[in-house]
Structures are given as C-alpha cells and as structure tokens.
Protein backbone atom coordinates (compact mmCIF):
# COMPACT_ATOMS: atom_id res chain seq x y z
CA MET A 1 221.36 236.10 133.91
CA ALA A 2 217.70 235.18 133.40
CA ARG A 3 215.37 237.36 131.55
CA GLY A 4 213.85 240.16 133.62
CA GLY A 5 216.86 240.95 135.60
CA PRO A 6 217.84 240.38 139.18
CA ARG A 7 214.64 241.63 140.62
CA GLU A 8 212.49 239.09 138.85
CA TRP A 9 214.89 236.39 139.93
CA ALA A 10 214.52 237.28 143.55
CA ARG A 11 210.76 237.22 143.27
CA ALA A 12 210.87 233.68 141.74
CA ILE A 13 213.02 232.44 144.60
CA TRP A 14 210.69 233.97 147.24
CA ARG A 15 207.65 232.28 145.56
CA ALA A 16 209.36 228.89 145.62
CA ARG A 17 210.19 229.25 149.30
CA TYR A 18 206.60 230.25 150.12
CA ARG A 19 205.31 227.06 148.40
CA VAL A 20 207.71 224.96 150.49
CA VAL A 21 206.63 226.58 153.77
CA LEU A 22 202.99 226.18 152.85
CA ALA A 23 203.45 222.51 152.07
CA LEU A 24 205.13 222.01 155.48
CA TRP A 25 202.13 223.67 157.24
CA VAL A 26 199.80 221.32 155.48
CA VAL A 27 201.83 218.27 156.59
CA ALA A 28 201.89 219.58 160.15
CA LEU A 29 198.08 220.01 160.20
CA VAL A 30 197.60 216.43 158.96
CA VAL A 31 199.90 215.10 161.72
CA ILE A 32 198.08 217.15 164.43
CA GLY A 33 194.73 216.06 163.13
CA GLY A 34 195.80 212.44 163.33
CA ASN A 35 196.45 212.79 167.05
CA VAL A 36 193.03 214.36 167.65
CA VAL A 37 190.85 212.24 165.35
CA LEU A 38 190.64 208.65 166.66
CA ASP A 39 189.67 205.53 164.78
CA GLN A 40 187.13 206.12 162.00
CA GLY A 41 187.10 209.87 162.56
CA LYS A 42 186.17 209.81 166.31
CA GLU A 43 187.09 213.25 167.48
CA VAL A 44 188.01 214.16 171.06
CA GLY A 45 186.55 217.60 171.89
CA ALA A 46 189.25 220.01 172.90
CA SER A 47 186.64 221.76 175.03
CA SER A 48 186.28 218.71 177.42
CA GLY A 49 189.76 219.30 178.88
CA LEU A 50 190.43 215.47 179.04
CA SER A 51 193.52 213.80 177.74
CA SER A 52 193.31 210.80 175.45
CA SER A 53 195.31 207.86 174.32
CA SER A 54 194.83 204.63 172.40
CA VAL A 55 196.24 201.07 172.17
CA ARG A 56 196.62 199.31 168.78
CA ASP A 57 197.17 195.70 167.74
CA SER A 58 200.15 194.43 165.75
CA GLU A 59 198.33 195.41 162.57
CA GLY A 60 197.81 198.96 163.71
CA SER A 61 194.08 198.67 164.30
CA THR A 62 192.71 200.36 167.50
CA LEU A 63 191.78 197.86 170.30
CA TYR A 64 190.62 200.41 172.94
CA TYR A 65 191.11 204.04 173.71
CA GLN A 66 190.94 206.19 176.85
CA VAL A 67 189.44 209.61 177.18
CA GLY A 68 190.05 211.23 180.59
CA ARG A 69 188.83 208.66 183.18
CA LYS A 70 186.82 206.61 180.59
CA ARG A 71 188.27 203.59 178.85
CA CYS A 72 186.37 202.32 175.81
CA LEU A 73 186.60 199.11 173.75
CA ARG A 74 186.09 199.55 170.04
CA GLY A 75 182.75 198.37 168.81
CA SER A 76 182.38 195.75 166.10
CA SER A 77 182.06 196.69 162.45
CA GLY A 78 178.36 195.84 162.70
CA GLY A 79 177.59 199.26 164.15
CA VAL A 80 177.59 198.08 167.76
CA ALA A 81 178.43 201.03 170.05
CA ASP A 82 181.73 201.15 171.80
CA GLU A 83 181.72 199.70 175.37
CA CYS A 84 183.16 202.07 177.91
CA THR A 85 184.09 201.51 181.61
CA CYS A 86 185.62 203.86 184.19
CA VAL A 87 189.19 203.62 185.40
CA GLU A 88 189.78 202.25 188.90
CA GLY A 89 188.60 204.65 191.59
CA TYR A 90 185.99 206.51 189.59
CA GLY A 91 182.38 205.92 188.59
CA GLY A 92 179.25 207.60 187.39
CA GLU A 93 177.81 208.29 183.95
CA ASP A 94 180.79 210.35 182.87
CA CYS A 95 183.30 208.72 185.24
CA ARG A 96 183.60 212.00 187.06
CA ASP A 97 182.63 210.63 190.53
CA ALA A 98 185.48 209.48 192.83
CA ILE A 99 184.75 206.25 194.69
CA CYS A 100 185.63 205.59 198.36
CA PRO A 101 185.29 201.84 199.12
CA GLY A 102 183.85 202.27 202.62
CA GLY A 103 181.70 205.26 201.65
CA CYS A 104 181.59 208.68 203.28
CA SER A 105 178.81 208.63 205.83
CA HIS A 106 178.79 212.34 206.57
CA GLY A 107 180.83 213.84 203.77
CA ARG A 108 181.76 213.31 200.08
CA CYS A 109 184.51 211.42 198.33
CA LEU A 110 187.00 213.97 197.21
CA ARG A 111 189.34 211.50 195.39
CA PRO A 112 189.55 207.73 195.41
CA GLY A 113 189.79 206.51 198.99
CA TYR A 114 189.75 209.98 200.56
CA CYS A 115 186.68 211.57 202.17
CA THR A 116 186.20 215.22 203.06
CA CYS A 117 183.92 215.38 206.09
CA GLU A 118 181.01 217.67 207.05
CA GLU A 119 181.53 219.87 210.12
CA GLY A 120 181.27 217.85 213.27
CA TRP A 121 182.45 214.57 211.72
CA ARG A 122 185.86 212.93 211.19
CA GLY A 123 187.50 209.61 210.38
CA ARG A 124 188.40 207.83 207.11
CA GLN A 125 184.67 207.33 206.39
CA CYS A 126 183.38 210.49 208.14
CA ASP A 127 181.53 208.34 210.62
CA GLU A 128 183.09 209.53 213.90
CA PRO A 129 181.32 212.48 215.53
CA THR A 130 183.32 215.22 217.28
CA CYS A 131 182.44 217.16 220.44
CA LYS A 132 184.14 220.48 221.14
CA GLN A 133 184.00 219.71 224.87
CA ARG A 134 185.41 216.39 226.11
CA CYS A 135 182.87 213.81 227.28
CA VAL A 136 184.38 213.16 230.75
CA HIS A 137 182.30 210.07 231.54
CA GLY A 138 180.77 209.11 228.23
CA ARG A 139 181.37 209.22 224.48
CA CYS A 140 180.60 211.62 221.65
CA HIS A 141 177.42 210.26 220.07
CA TYR A 142 176.54 213.08 217.67
CA PRO A 143 178.43 216.30 216.84
CA ASN A 144 178.68 218.21 220.10
CA PHE A 145 176.36 215.78 221.89
CA CYS A 146 177.66 213.41 224.59
CA LYS A 147 176.07 210.12 225.49
CA CYS A 148 176.82 209.66 229.20
CA ASN A 149 177.70 206.46 231.05
CA GLN A 150 175.15 205.31 233.53
CA GLY A 151 174.92 207.58 236.54
CA TRP A 152 176.48 210.61 234.80
CA HIS A 153 174.74 213.65 233.38
CA GLY A 154 175.31 217.03 231.84
CA TRP A 155 176.60 218.35 228.55
CA LYS A 156 180.06 216.99 229.30
CA CYS A 157 178.92 213.96 231.33
CA ASP A 158 180.68 215.35 234.37
CA ARG A 159 177.81 215.59 236.86
CA GLN A 160 176.42 212.99 239.29
CA CYS A 161 173.34 213.29 241.38
CA VAL A 162 173.92 210.74 244.09
CA HIS A 163 170.79 211.53 246.04
CA GLY A 164 168.69 213.32 243.46
CA VAL A 165 167.72 213.64 239.84
CA PHE A 166 169.32 215.71 237.00
CA SER A 167 167.41 218.51 235.37
CA GLN A 168 168.32 218.74 231.64
CA ARG A 169 166.72 222.12 231.38
CA LYS A 170 168.68 223.61 234.29
CA GLN A 171 171.77 221.37 233.78
CA SER A 172 171.91 220.81 237.54
CA CYS A 173 170.79 218.36 240.18
CA VAL A 174 167.54 218.53 242.04
CA CYS A 175 168.35 216.89 245.41
CA ASP A 176 166.20 214.64 247.50
CA ALA A 177 164.97 215.91 250.88
CA GLY A 178 167.84 215.99 253.40
CA TRP A 179 170.59 216.27 250.82
CA THR A 180 172.41 219.22 249.26
CA GLY A 181 175.46 220.16 247.23
CA PRO A 182 176.13 220.36 243.46
CA ASP A 183 176.18 216.55 243.30
CA CYS A 184 173.62 215.92 246.10
CA LYS A 185 176.31 214.16 248.16
CA LEU A 186 176.19 216.33 251.23
CA ALA A 187 173.70 215.37 253.91
CA LEU A 188 171.80 217.98 255.83
CA CYS A 189 171.67 217.81 259.62
CA GLU A 190 169.16 220.67 260.09
CA ARG A 191 167.52 219.48 263.24
CA GLU A 192 170.50 219.71 265.58
CA GLY A 193 173.44 220.58 263.42
CA CYS A 194 176.79 218.73 263.22
CA TYR A 195 179.39 220.96 264.93
CA HIS A 196 182.50 218.72 265.14
CA GLY A 197 181.85 216.11 262.48
CA ASN A 198 180.39 215.43 259.12
CA CYS A 199 176.78 214.95 258.33
CA VAL A 200 176.82 211.52 256.55
CA GLU A 201 173.01 211.06 256.28
CA PRO A 202 170.08 213.36 256.87
CA ASP A 203 170.23 214.30 260.59
CA ARG A 204 173.00 211.76 261.39
CA CYS A 205 176.52 212.94 262.27
CA ALA A 206 179.88 211.11 262.12
CA CYS A 207 181.93 212.82 264.77
CA PHE A 208 185.64 213.70 264.46
CA VAL A 209 188.07 211.94 266.89
CA GLY A 210 187.45 213.15 270.43
CA TRP A 211 183.87 214.29 269.95
CA SER A 212 180.56 212.50 270.50
CA GLY A 213 176.81 213.23 270.81
CA SER A 214 174.03 213.53 268.27
CA ASN A 215 175.46 216.87 267.02
CA CYS A 216 179.11 216.18 267.98
CA THR A 217 179.36 218.73 270.82
CA THR A 218 180.46 216.45 273.64
CA ASP A 219 184.24 216.98 274.06
CA LEU A 220 185.65 213.69 275.12
CA VAL A 221 189.32 214.88 274.77
CA GLY A 222 188.77 217.87 276.97
CA ASP A 223 187.47 215.65 279.71
CA MET A 224 190.33 213.19 279.38
CA ALA A 225 193.21 215.61 278.73
CA ASP A 226 194.92 215.04 282.10
CA GLU A 227 194.36 211.36 281.97
CA LEU A 228 195.79 211.01 278.45
CA THR A 229 199.00 212.96 279.23
CA ALA A 230 199.71 211.83 282.83
CA GLY A 231 203.46 211.43 283.38
CA LEU A 232 204.48 212.74 279.93
CA VAL A 233 206.71 215.76 279.54
CA PHE A 234 206.01 217.95 276.49
CA ARG A 235 208.00 220.97 277.73
CA SER A 236 211.44 221.02 279.32
CA GLN A 237 214.52 223.19 279.81
CA ARG A 238 216.86 220.15 279.85
CA TRP A 239 216.92 219.03 276.28
CA PRO A 240 220.58 218.11 275.35
CA SER A 241 220.07 220.04 272.11
CA LEU A 242 217.33 221.33 269.85
CA THR A 243 219.39 221.62 266.62
CA VAL A 244 222.33 219.45 265.54
CA HIS A 245 225.67 221.24 265.96
CA ASN A 246 229.39 220.37 266.02
CA SER A 247 230.11 220.79 269.70
CA THR A 248 233.04 218.93 271.15
CA ARG A 249 231.03 218.32 274.38
CA LYS A 250 228.95 215.15 274.23
CA LEU A 251 229.44 214.80 270.48
CA ASP A 252 229.49 211.05 270.70
CA GLU A 253 226.08 210.97 272.31
CA ALA A 254 224.65 213.31 269.69
CA TRP A 255 226.04 211.08 266.92
CA LYS A 256 224.46 207.98 268.49
CA SER A 257 221.09 209.68 268.43
CA ILE A 258 221.60 210.70 264.78
CA LYS A 259 222.41 207.11 263.83
CA LYS A 260 219.35 205.95 265.73
CA TRP A 261 217.06 208.48 264.00
CA THR A 262 218.44 207.59 260.54
CA GLY A 263 218.73 203.84 261.27
CA GLY A 264 215.70 202.95 259.21
CA LEU A 265 217.10 204.29 255.95
CA GLU A 266 218.33 202.06 253.18
CA ASP A 267 222.09 201.31 252.95
CA GLY A 268 222.46 203.83 250.22
CA TRP A 269 221.44 206.60 252.59
CA LYS A 270 223.91 205.84 255.35
CA LEU A 271 225.67 208.92 256.72
CA GLY A 272 229.41 209.51 256.82
CA ARG A 273 230.30 211.03 260.19
CA THR A 274 233.21 213.16 259.06
CA ARG A 275 231.47 214.60 256.00
CA PHE A 276 228.33 215.31 257.97
CA LEU A 277 229.95 216.86 261.07
CA THR A 278 232.17 219.24 259.05
CA ALA A 279 228.99 220.80 257.58
CA LEU A 280 227.45 221.42 260.99
CA PRO A 281 227.39 224.84 262.71
CA GLN A 282 229.31 225.28 265.92
CA ASP A 283 226.31 226.37 268.05
CA ASP A 284 222.83 225.15 268.86
CA GLU A 285 220.90 228.08 267.42
CA LEU A 286 217.62 227.33 269.28
CA GLY A 287 219.06 225.70 272.35
CA GLY A 288 220.20 229.09 273.71
CA LYS A 289 216.47 230.00 273.99
CA LEU A 290 215.65 227.19 276.43
CA LEU A 291 216.28 229.54 279.31
CA ASP A 292 215.95 232.93 277.66
CA LYS A 293 212.74 232.33 275.85
CA TYR A 294 210.84 234.35 273.24
CA ALA A 295 207.93 236.16 274.81
CA THR A 296 205.35 235.35 272.08
CA CYS A 297 205.48 232.93 269.21
CA VAL A 298 203.06 231.87 266.49
CA ALA A 299 202.82 228.70 264.32
CA VAL A 300 200.95 229.50 261.08
CA GLY A 301 199.53 226.43 259.33
CA ASN A 302 198.48 226.38 255.68
CA SER A 303 194.75 225.67 256.02
CA GLY A 304 192.20 227.92 254.35
CA SER A 305 190.51 229.01 257.57
CA LEU A 306 192.40 232.31 257.89
CA LEU A 307 191.18 233.60 254.49
CA GLY A 308 188.09 235.20 256.01
CA VAL A 309 189.93 236.87 258.96
CA LYS A 310 192.34 239.82 258.86
CA ALA A 311 194.96 238.20 261.14
CA GLY A 312 198.03 239.47 259.30
CA ALA A 313 198.93 242.31 261.64
CA VAL A 314 198.70 240.27 264.83
CA ILE A 315 200.66 237.40 263.34
CA ASP A 316 203.52 239.84 262.38
CA ALA A 317 203.52 241.24 265.93
CA HIS A 318 204.84 238.00 267.45
CA GLN A 319 208.58 237.74 268.05
CA LEU A 320 208.87 234.36 266.32
CA VAL A 321 206.75 233.50 263.31
CA LEU A 322 207.00 229.82 262.19
CA ARG A 323 205.56 228.75 258.83
CA TYR A 324 205.42 225.34 257.20
CA ASN A 325 206.73 224.12 253.86
CA ASP A 326 205.76 226.51 251.02
CA GLY A 327 203.30 228.71 252.96
CA VAL A 328 203.49 232.02 251.15
CA THR A 329 202.89 235.56 252.27
CA ARG A 330 202.91 237.62 249.09
CA GLY A 331 199.28 238.41 248.22
CA TYR A 332 198.08 237.23 251.62
CA GLU A 333 199.58 239.85 253.82
CA GLU A 334 196.19 241.05 255.21
CA THR A 335 195.13 237.55 256.31
CA HIS A 336 198.44 235.75 256.95
CA GLY A 337 201.03 238.48 257.59
CA ARG A 338 204.35 239.37 255.97
CA ARG A 339 207.00 238.13 258.42
CA THR A 340 208.56 234.65 258.59
CA THR A 341 211.37 234.06 261.03
CA HIS A 342 211.48 230.25 260.93
CA ARG A 343 210.32 227.66 258.38
CA LEU A 344 209.90 223.96 258.99
CA LEU A 345 210.20 221.75 255.85
CA ASN A 346 208.94 218.18 255.48
CA ARG A 347 210.74 215.65 253.29
CA LYS A 348 208.99 216.66 250.04
CA HIS A 349 209.88 220.33 250.38
CA ALA A 350 213.43 219.67 251.67
CA ASP A 351 214.03 217.52 248.53
CA SER A 352 212.60 220.25 246.38
CA LEU A 353 214.87 222.84 247.97
CA VAL A 354 217.91 220.63 247.27
CA ALA A 355 216.86 220.00 243.60
CA ARG A 356 216.30 223.76 242.99
CA GLN A 357 219.73 224.76 244.29
CA GLN A 358 221.49 221.96 242.45
CA ALA A 359 219.85 223.12 239.24
CA ARG A 360 220.90 226.71 239.95
CA ALA A 361 224.51 225.63 240.63
CA SER A 362 224.76 223.60 237.46
CA ALA A 363 223.08 226.18 235.13
CA PRO A 364 225.34 227.53 232.34
CA PRO A 365 226.93 230.96 232.93
CA PRO A 366 225.02 233.93 231.58
CA PRO A 367 226.04 235.50 228.23
CA ILE A 368 228.92 237.95 228.38
CA GLY A 369 227.70 241.44 229.24
CA LYS A 370 224.45 240.25 230.77
CA LYS A 371 224.07 241.19 234.42
CA VAL A 372 222.50 238.58 236.69
CA ARG A 373 221.26 239.59 240.12
CA PRO A 374 222.93 237.39 242.70
CA ARG A 375 220.79 235.42 245.08
CA ARG A 376 220.40 237.10 248.44
CA PRO A 377 220.74 234.86 251.52
CA SER A 378 217.42 234.08 253.11
CA ARG A 379 216.55 235.85 256.39
CA GLU A 380 214.54 232.90 257.52
CA MET A 381 215.92 230.07 259.64
CA THR A 382 215.22 226.87 257.67
CA LEU A 383 214.61 223.79 259.80
CA LEU A 384 214.79 220.20 258.53
CA TRP A 385 213.84 217.21 260.69
CA ARG A 386 213.01 214.13 258.55
CA ALA A 387 215.63 211.36 258.68
CA GLU A 388 215.90 211.37 254.86
CA SER A 389 216.88 215.11 254.95
CA TYR A 390 220.07 214.42 256.93
CA GLN A 391 221.66 213.01 253.79
CA HIS A 392 221.06 216.36 252.00
CA TYR A 393 222.30 218.61 254.77
CA ALA A 394 225.97 218.78 253.70
CA VAL A 395 224.89 219.52 250.08
CA LEU A 396 222.64 222.40 251.19
CA ARG A 397 225.30 223.90 253.44
CA ARG A 398 227.75 223.84 250.49
CA LEU A 399 225.21 225.33 248.00
CA LEU A 400 223.82 227.91 250.49
CA PRO A 401 226.71 228.68 252.82
CA GLU A 402 225.26 231.97 253.96
CA ASP A 403 221.72 230.71 254.71
CA LYS A 404 220.65 229.66 258.22
CA ILE A 405 219.87 225.97 257.68
CA PHE A 406 219.64 223.67 260.73
CA MET A 407 218.65 220.07 261.42
CA VAL A 408 216.32 219.52 264.32
CA SER A 409 218.09 217.30 266.83
CA PRO A 410 217.09 213.61 267.26
CA GLN A 411 217.83 214.19 270.93
CA PHE A 412 214.59 216.26 270.87
CA LEU A 413 212.74 214.38 268.16
CA ILE A 414 213.00 210.84 269.56
CA PRO A 415 211.45 211.71 272.96
CA ILE A 416 208.58 213.82 271.57
CA PHE A 417 207.69 211.11 269.07
CA ARG A 418 207.62 208.64 271.96
CA PHE A 419 205.26 210.97 273.76
CA PHE A 420 203.06 211.21 270.58
CA LYS A 421 202.74 207.37 270.30
CA GLN A 422 202.00 207.06 274.04
CA VAL A 423 199.11 209.51 273.79
CA MET A 424 197.91 207.75 270.68
CA GLN A 425 197.93 204.42 272.49
CA ARG A 426 196.06 205.84 275.51
CA MET A 427 193.42 207.24 273.14
CA GLU A 428 192.88 203.81 271.60
CA GLU A 429 192.60 202.25 275.02
CA ARG A 430 189.79 204.61 275.92
CA GLY A 431 187.80 203.93 272.78
CA LEU A 432 188.86 206.88 270.64
CA ARG A 433 189.18 205.59 267.02
CA TRP A 434 190.29 207.12 263.69
CA GLU A 435 189.30 206.10 260.21
CA SER A 436 192.66 205.61 258.44
CA GLY A 437 196.43 205.46 258.78
CA GLN A 438 197.97 208.63 260.18
CA ALA A 439 200.49 210.90 258.48
CA THR A 440 203.78 211.93 260.01
CA PRO A 441 202.86 214.78 262.47
CA HIS A 442 204.67 217.61 260.74
CA GLY A 443 202.59 220.35 262.39
CA PHE A 444 203.00 218.75 265.81
CA VAL A 445 206.92 218.92 265.50
CA GLY A 446 206.75 222.65 264.84
CA VAL A 447 204.38 223.36 267.70
CA LEU A 448 206.43 221.25 270.13
CA LEU A 449 209.58 223.01 269.12
CA LEU A 450 208.03 226.45 269.86
CA MET A 451 206.83 225.22 273.25
CA GLN A 452 210.49 224.73 274.26
CA VAL A 453 211.64 228.25 273.32
CA CYS A 454 208.63 230.41 273.83
CA ASP A 455 206.62 231.60 276.86
CA ARG A 456 203.38 231.91 274.89
CA VAL A 457 202.51 229.84 271.76
CA THR A 458 199.56 230.65 269.50
CA VAL A 459 198.63 228.36 266.63
CA TYR A 460 196.73 229.68 263.58
CA GLY A 461 195.84 227.96 260.31
CA PHE A 462 195.04 224.45 261.62
CA ASP A 463 191.62 222.98 260.85
CA GLU A 464 189.60 220.08 262.04
CA PRO A 465 190.17 216.98 259.79
CA ALA A 466 188.02 216.93 256.68
CA ALA A 467 186.75 220.51 257.39
CA PHE A 468 187.49 221.32 253.70
CA THR A 469 184.62 218.99 252.70
CA ARG A 470 182.26 221.63 254.00
CA GLY A 471 183.46 224.26 251.54
CA ARG A 472 186.76 225.21 253.22
CA ARG A 473 190.00 225.13 251.28
CA TYR A 474 192.72 222.69 252.37
CA HIS A 475 195.45 225.19 251.51
CA TYR A 476 194.94 228.90 251.46
CA TYR A 477 197.25 229.42 248.48
CA ASP A 478 196.21 226.60 246.13
CA LYS A 479 193.28 224.30 245.28
CA ILE A 480 194.73 220.89 246.02
CA GLU A 481 192.89 218.36 248.12
CA PRO A 482 194.42 215.80 250.42
CA ALA A 483 194.55 212.20 249.34
CA GLU A 484 193.26 211.10 252.74
CA PRO A 485 191.22 213.72 254.64
CA HIS A 486 191.56 211.89 257.97
CA ALA A 487 195.37 211.42 257.92
CA ASN A 488 195.86 214.03 260.63
CA ASP A 489 193.10 213.10 263.04
CA VAL A 490 195.44 212.06 265.86
CA GLU A 491 197.79 215.06 265.41
CA PHE A 492 194.91 217.49 265.52
CA THR A 493 193.44 215.76 268.58
CA ILE A 494 196.78 216.02 270.43
CA LEU A 495 196.98 219.74 269.62
CA ARG A 496 193.55 220.05 271.18
CA ILE A 497 194.79 218.27 274.26
CA LEU A 498 197.74 220.71 274.54
CA ASP A 499 195.29 223.56 274.14
CA GLY A 500 193.09 222.13 276.89
CA LEU A 501 196.13 221.86 279.22
CA GLY A 502 196.94 225.53 278.58
CA LEU A 503 200.30 224.77 276.90
CA ILE A 504 199.27 226.40 273.62
CA ARG A 505 196.41 228.57 272.33
CA LEU A 506 194.78 226.82 269.35
CA CYS A 507 192.81 229.31 267.26
CA LEU A 508 190.18 227.38 265.21
CA PRO A 509 187.52 228.71 262.81
CA GLY A 510 185.04 228.84 265.70
CA ASN A 511 187.16 231.21 267.83
CA LEU A 512 189.35 232.96 265.25
CA GLU A 513 187.74 236.37 265.64
CA ALA A 514 188.19 236.12 269.48
CA CYS A 515 191.80 235.06 269.06
CA VAL A 516 192.60 237.99 266.76
CA GLY A 517 190.81 240.42 269.09
CA GLU A 518 192.87 239.18 272.09
CA ASP A 519 196.08 239.53 270.14
CA GLU A 520 195.21 243.07 269.04
CA VAL A 521 194.75 244.04 272.66
CA LEU A 522 197.94 242.27 273.70
CA PHE A 523 200.05 243.99 270.99
CA GLY A 524 198.34 247.35 271.25
CA LEU A 525 196.75 247.06 267.76
CA ALA A 526 193.13 247.42 268.81
CA GLY A 527 191.36 250.16 266.81
CA ASN A 528 194.10 250.45 264.24
C-alpha cells in the first residue's frame, strides 16, 4: 500500500479524474467554438437569432456561408469585403423583407408570394376592393363604394329614375312633373283621374279591357253584356254531372267525356279506365245540389284588395265558402274569415298536394317510443279540374282515403269552356282587345261551379288586371308578383259580364264596403 494510507490514495485518484473531466470540457468548448466562429474568426452573434451554415471546397476552405436569410461569398485575401445576397423571396438591407412578385397594392407582403390586405381590400395582390353591400347593377370601385352602370344610382346601384334625376344627398329620385313613384315610373293623371286603367303618361290613360274614355269610366262591357252572351247558358239544372263518380248509369258517356278532356295529354299520361274508375266515389257530391241549392255561397279570391276591409264575419256567414289554391285563413280571420268548405286547386297546387302526401307516405317510421300525432282528415272538399290532375286522382285517393277529394266533371267543364271561348270571340269582333296571351281561367271555373249549386253567389278577392301596379298586393298572404299582369283580362271581363247580368255579385275595391254592409244586414251582423 502506498505511503500515506488509503485516504491519501483516494484523494490522488479523485484529482486524476478531475483533470480528465476538465480536459474534456476544454475539448468540448473548442468544438462548440468552431461551430460558432466562421472563417478567419467571423463570429455569428447568438443574439441575432439567425441560424448559420457554410460550404467548403475540397481543400476545406470556405466558399460561402449563410446567416439567416443572407448568403455571403467569401472576400479575397486582399481585404475585399464579403459579397452578400438575400435568399430567394427576401430582400432589403438585412434580407428581412419578404418579396411578393406582383406587389401588395393595399397591404404588405407577409411572406414570399403572400399578401395580407388592409381592411376593405382582397385578392392575391390586395387590389380588389370589397363592399359590404352587393352592387346590384354596378361594381365595387373602392371599399364600400359602388360604381353604378349607366342609368342606375344609389349606394347599392339599385335605383333608377326613369323620369327624373337622382339626389345623392337624399338617396332618392326627384321626379319630373307628371311622374311619381320611387323610380319615377308612375305617371300622374291628375286632371281627370284614371279609374279603370293605368296612367301611362301624364294625363293619358290606358284603359282595361271593357272600359274607354279619357279617364276610363265608360263601361263598354256593361252596355254589351246581353249582346255578348246571347244564346249562351251559364246556369242549368240539367248537367249530367258536376263531379266524376262511378255510377253504373251512363258511365260510358262519362268516360268518353273524360277521354276527350284528357285527350291532349302526352302518351305517358294516358288513363287506365279500370284503375281510375275503382278510385271514384259512388255519388256525385255536388250534383245533388242542382235542385236543392245552397242559399248563399261565396268565392274568395287571393288578391290583396280585402286586406283593408273587415269582411271575415260576413264571409263565414255563407253556407258554402270556396277558396282557391293555397289561400290561407290563419292570421287573416278578420279580413278573410275562418271557414273553408270547398277548395279548388289548379295544376300547380294539385301536383304539390300529391308530392307532399307521397313524401309523407315514404318517410321513415318514427323512433320507438316517440308519439306522432296522426293526420286528421281535412274537412274541406278538395276539387281538381285540370286534365293533368286526372292522372293523380287514384294516387290521392289511396294516400288520403278519408279526405273528400273530387274531380270536376268534363261533362260540365267542356260546355263552360266553350261558352268562355264564344264570349271571348264576340269581344274581339266588337273591338275589345287585350295585351297578352290569357291564362287558364281558374277563377271562372270556381264561380261557374257555384252558380250551378247556389241561389246567390258573391265574389270577393278578385281585382282588376294590373291593379297591383298601383300599390295593391297581388296575393294577400305573400309578396309575389305575376309574370304577366294582363293574363286574366278576359276572365275578369267575363266575371263583370256575369255581374252585369245579375248572375253573381262581384265585390271590387270600389264597392267592397257596400258589399260587406249589405251582407251584414242579410246575415243579421249589422252593429256587431
């Protein structure tokens, strides 16, 4: 054992180990320093936060080095400074500025090729302005500023001043003399008025069919009513049937009329007699009223004219209340009443009824334990009359077996349409003209049907053609406008003829208050 004992020996070993560790630390510091100190002692500042690298030649000499986004070529030994350039996509003195090739017109380059735009601008180069409101007839020229197409004005380029100028301060039209309306499109006929027509130029009226005179007050139809309907029968007790039914008596004749009524349909719509007849009811639901008529009936159209009159109570007082298509009552009880006993559907609404019921029938069953309220059968009698609806009838009867759904009989429809066309022809022969093609007279069918089964027929909710252009709504329950405002000129004129003959009572906006007052007295509602 060495001199000094075990304790001294342990101390010697510890000192030797310490020297080894110290030597390793020195070597490590040298290696780390070599990574930081570049060629000829160039030092990359740790405080810059930029990474560095270098490329050497085959002999180990540095060719160029990179610090962050800066790449530098080593200078010559003659003391020439190193030549530095920025990496692709960056520029500036310290290569800190990102470069966007197309520039950023209204923004800044956030990273190479990517702009961040100022508020109100967008696009790859921040050169597309944005407007919070859509420029209806124009384009966004500056942020929230529309440049309008010629003839359009306003913040949104949605205003025209047809006969006037636009005030930027008021953001509205200032109309020329004789014109009015938000777009200065409505002429004023202040001198004499324009009672049954539209004022098309200052103090010049375009009269509706059947009216004439400088202010459209000469009733041509009223004077010619007897002449236009001579020899025509609009009311009879001898119709073979009013609704199609499966009666063994004269069934062949009824089927012939059905085939004639549906003869214009495409081959895919042809009816199968057996399938159709098995879906029919046994009795003519309305035919029984040809002799034992309802005392009072009302047909309620869907125009907006009733909105200003409280006619609901007198409408409900009639024995039979006929409504058209989707005419609603909820929310309109005071003006349009609550009751509906019969509803006449055109093709569009008949198709919609079929589609809804087919969707309901094919819907998946409700989850187990969830109670679903069953559909209650409608109390209304639904009447279909268009030829296209005959194809759907068997389907509706299967889907709604407890509902009262009937097809209006062609044995009634064919004659009344012949009458309609004859009156139309006589009107043309006497110089009465209409502006456009005429729609299928859906309202006329309903009124003529009531005339067969009612002693007294009142008609509410029908307006003169194009009356909505004077601020009146086309439908009382929505805001749609007709594609062709004069599509019902002839139908309305024929209803006026029937009113003039005393066959119906047509309650128009000009006499609505009087009609309601008469009905209140008739039904004992006056003073309530």
